[in-house]
């Protein structure tokens, strides 16, 4: 597994664009809240660290990961943001529900990126176990929320270069 060799929270600080004056929405799943709360903390703290004013970070909760894409669509259409980060966690169970939810969020995020001129950042953990989710939400593999925030800042900068 690639994550075994990389900490999600490691990056070169000098390569991260400044977020001053940017508005970022974070849409967070309430399901697996102990995990998604840690992802949110990582994303929020990283955005602030790189210059996004705390008043320019909009946090909205949705019931589960399946609802992330609709929440992101609402933020794009109504909240005047530069980027949207979706954060969730789906842990493999005994039924195909895991696959349906993961596929839906993946496809929905892709469609939002293609249909709107706002970067939507995929911050959905798709793990086999609770332990893997913990390891990727502030544990030994870092925090996927940090990575999502950095990705948002980089994608905002990419878009600005071509406007």
Protein backbone atom coordinates (compact mmCIF):
# COMPACT_ATOMS: atom_id res chain seq x y z
CA UNK A 1 0.00 0.00 0.00
CA UNK A 2 1.42 3.35 -1.05
CA UNK A 3 0.44 5.07 2.20
CA UNK A 4 2.80 2.79 4.12
CA UNK A 5 5.68 4.75 2.59
CA UNK A 6 4.22 8.25 2.81
CA UNK A 7 2.86 10.36 5.60
CA UNK A 8 -0.22 12.23 4.35
CA UNK A 9 0.75 15.27 6.41
CA UNK A 10 4.27 15.68 5.05
CA UNK A 11 4.84 18.41 2.49
CA UNK A 12 7.26 21.17 1.58
CA UNK A 13 5.81 24.31 3.24
CA UNK A 14 7.45 26.59 0.68
CA UNK A 15 5.52 24.86 -2.11
CA UNK A 16 2.09 25.64 -0.62
CA UNK A 17 0.31 28.72 -2.03
CA UNK A 18 -0.88 31.34 0.43
CA UNK A 19 -4.61 31.21 1.07
CA UNK A 20 -5.05 34.83 2.11
CA UNK A 21 -8.34 36.19 0.77
CA UNK A 22 -9.62 32.74 -0.24
CA UNK A 23 -12.93 31.18 0.88
CA UNK A 24 -13.03 27.45 1.34
CA UNK A 25 -16.01 25.28 2.22
CA UNK A 26 -15.52 22.01 4.04
CA UNK A 27 -18.39 19.53 3.84
CA UNK A 28 -18.05 16.85 6.52
CA UNK A 29 -19.89 13.58 7.02
CA UNK A 30 -21.36 13.01 10.48
CA UNK A 31 -21.02 9.24 10.01
CA UNK A 32 -17.82 7.94 11.65
CA UNK A 33 -17.61 11.33 13.39
CA UNK A 34 -14.57 10.43 15.49
CA UNK A 35 -12.64 9.99 12.24
CA UNK A 36 -14.24 12.82 10.25
CA UNK A 37 -13.79 15.20 13.17
CA UNK A 38 -10.05 14.56 13.04
CA UNK A 39 -10.04 15.05 9.26
CA UNK A 40 -11.85 18.36 9.74
CA UNK A 41 -9.39 19.48 12.38
CA UNK A 42 -6.48 18.70 10.05
CA UNK A 43 -8.03 20.51 7.08
CA UNK A 44 -9.10 23.54 9.10
CA UNK A 45 -5.75 23.97 10.87
CA UNK A 46 -3.81 23.57 7.62
CA UNK A 47 -5.93 26.16 5.81
CA UNK A 48 -5.43 28.65 8.66
CA UNK A 49 -1.70 27.86 8.80
CA UNK A 50 -1.40 28.81 5.13
CA UNK A 51 -3.28 32.09 5.37
CA UNK A 52 -6.99 31.37 5.01
CA UNK A 53 -8.86 33.53 7.52
CA UNK A 54 -10.93 31.41 9.90
CA UNK A 55 -13.97 33.53 8.97
CA UNK A 56 -13.49 32.41 5.35
CA UNK A 57 -13.76 28.72 6.16
CA UNK A 58 -17.34 27.49 5.92
CA UNK A 59 -18.05 24.16 7.61
CA UNK A 60 -21.21 22.23 6.82
CA UNK A 61 -22.16 18.77 8.08
CA UNK A 62 -24.11 16.17 6.14
CA UNK A 63 -25.49 12.91 7.57
CA UNK A 64 -23.23 10.48 5.70
CA UNK A 65 -20.61 10.22 3.00
CA UNK A 66 -23.21 9.63 0.30
CA UNK A 67 -24.52 13.16 0.92
CA UNK A 68 -21.11 14.82 0.50
CA UNK A 69 -21.54 15.59 -3.18
CA UNK A 70 -24.90 17.29 -2.74
CA UNK A 71 -23.47 19.32 0.12
CA UNK A 72 -20.55 20.31 -2.10
CA UNK A 73 -22.94 21.30 -4.90
CA UNK A 74 -24.88 23.57 -2.53
CA UNK A 75 -21.64 25.22 -1.38
CA UNK A 76 -20.52 25.78 -4.98
CA UNK A 77 -23.86 27.28 -6.00
CA UNK A 78 -24.71 29.29 -2.88
CA UNK A 79 -21.64 30.05 -0.77
CA UNK A 80 -19.30 31.95 -3.14
CA UNK A 81 -16.24 29.82 -2.39
CA UNK A 82 -12.93 29.26 -4.15
CA UNK A 83 -12.86 25.54 -3.36
CA UNK A 84 -14.83 22.83 -1.59
CA UNK A 85 -13.29 20.00 0.40
CA UNK A 86 -15.40 16.91 1.07
CA UNK A 87 -14.41 14.83 4.11
CA UNK A 88 -15.82 11.45 4.99
CA UNK A 89 -14.95 7.94 6.03
CA UNK A 90 -16.38 4.67 4.80
CA UNK A 91 -15.15 1.48 6.46
CA UNK A 92 -15.60 -1.88 4.70
CA UNK A 93 -18.39 -3.96 6.14
CA UNK A 94 -20.02 -7.27 5.26
CA UNK A 95 -22.26 -5.94 2.48
CA UNK A 96 -21.68 -4.19 -0.86
CA UNK A 97 -22.87 -0.89 0.68
CA UNK A 98 -19.19 0.17 1.03
CA UNK A 99 -18.63 -0.12 -2.72
CA UNK A 100 -21.83 1.72 -3.63
CA UNK A 101 -21.09 4.66 -1.34
CA UNK A 102 -17.41 4.92 -2.34
CA UNK A 103 -18.21 4.72 -6.05
CA UNK A 104 -20.98 7.29 -5.71
CA UNK A 105 -18.85 9.85 -3.88
CA UNK A 106 -15.94 9.32 -6.26
CA UNK A 107 -18.11 9.73 -9.35
CA UNK A 108 -20.05 12.63 -7.85
CA UNK A 109 -16.87 14.51 -6.95
CA UNK A 110 -15.51 13.98 -10.45
CA UNK A 111 -18.74 15.29 -11.99
CA UNK A 112 -18.68 18.38 -9.79
CA UNK A 113 -15.09 19.09 -10.86
CA UNK A 114 -16.03 18.75 -14.52
CA UNK A 115 -19.32 20.67 -14.36
CA UNK A 116 -18.30 23.62 -12.18
CA UNK A 117 -15.36 26.01 -12.28
CA UNK A 118 -14.55 25.37 -8.60
CA UNK A 119 -12.10 22.68 -7.43
CA UNK A 120 -13.79 20.02 -5.30
CA UNK A 121 -11.27 18.09 -3.25
CA UNK A 122 -11.79 14.39 -2.51
CA UNK A 123 -11.09 13.74 1.16
CA UNK A 124 -12.96 10.46 1.59
CA UNK A 125 -11.20 7.73 3.52
CA UNK A 126 -12.08 4.30 2.12
CA UNK A 127 -10.57 1.82 4.51
CA UNK A 128 -10.90 -1.83 5.37
CA UNK A 129 -10.73 -1.30 9.14
CA UNK A 130 -11.26 1.28 11.86
CA UNK A 131 -7.53 1.07 12.61
CA UNK A 132 -6.66 2.10 9.05
CA UNK A 133 -9.05 5.04 9.33
CA UNK A 134 -7.46 6.15 12.61
CA UNK A 135 -3.99 5.86 11.07
CA UNK A 136 -5.04 8.23 8.24
CA UNK A 137 -6.94 10.76 10.35
CA UNK A 138 -4.15 11.95 12.58
CA UNK A 139 -2.44 8.65 13.38
CA UNK A 140 0.79 7.13 12.13
CA UNK A 141 0.05 7.90 8.47
CA UNK A 142 -0.75 11.56 9.13
CA UNK A 143 -4.03 13.23 8.35
CA UNK A 144 -5.87 13.10 5.01
CA UNK A 145 -7.52 16.39 6.06
CA UNK A 146 -4.11 18.12 5.89
CA UNK A 147 -3.58 16.71 2.42
CA UNK A 148 -7.05 17.83 1.27
CA UNK A 149 -6.44 21.40 2.46
CA UNK A 150 -3.09 21.59 0.69
CA UNK A 151 -4.67 20.19 -2.46
CA UNK A 152 -7.41 22.85 -2.27
CA UNK A 153 -4.84 25.66 -2.05
CA UNK A 154 -2.83 24.26 -4.94
CA UNK A 155 -5.90 23.82 -7.13
CA UNK A 156 -7.12 27.36 -6.37
CA UNK A 157 -3.70 28.62 -7.46
CA UNK A 158 -3.80 26.51 -10.64
CA UNK A 159 -7.16 27.97 -11.58
CA UNK A 160 -5.92 31.54 -10.91
CA UNK A 161 -2.94 31.06 -13.22
CA UNK A 162 -5.30 30.60 -16.16
CA UNK A 163 -7.98 33.19 -15.39
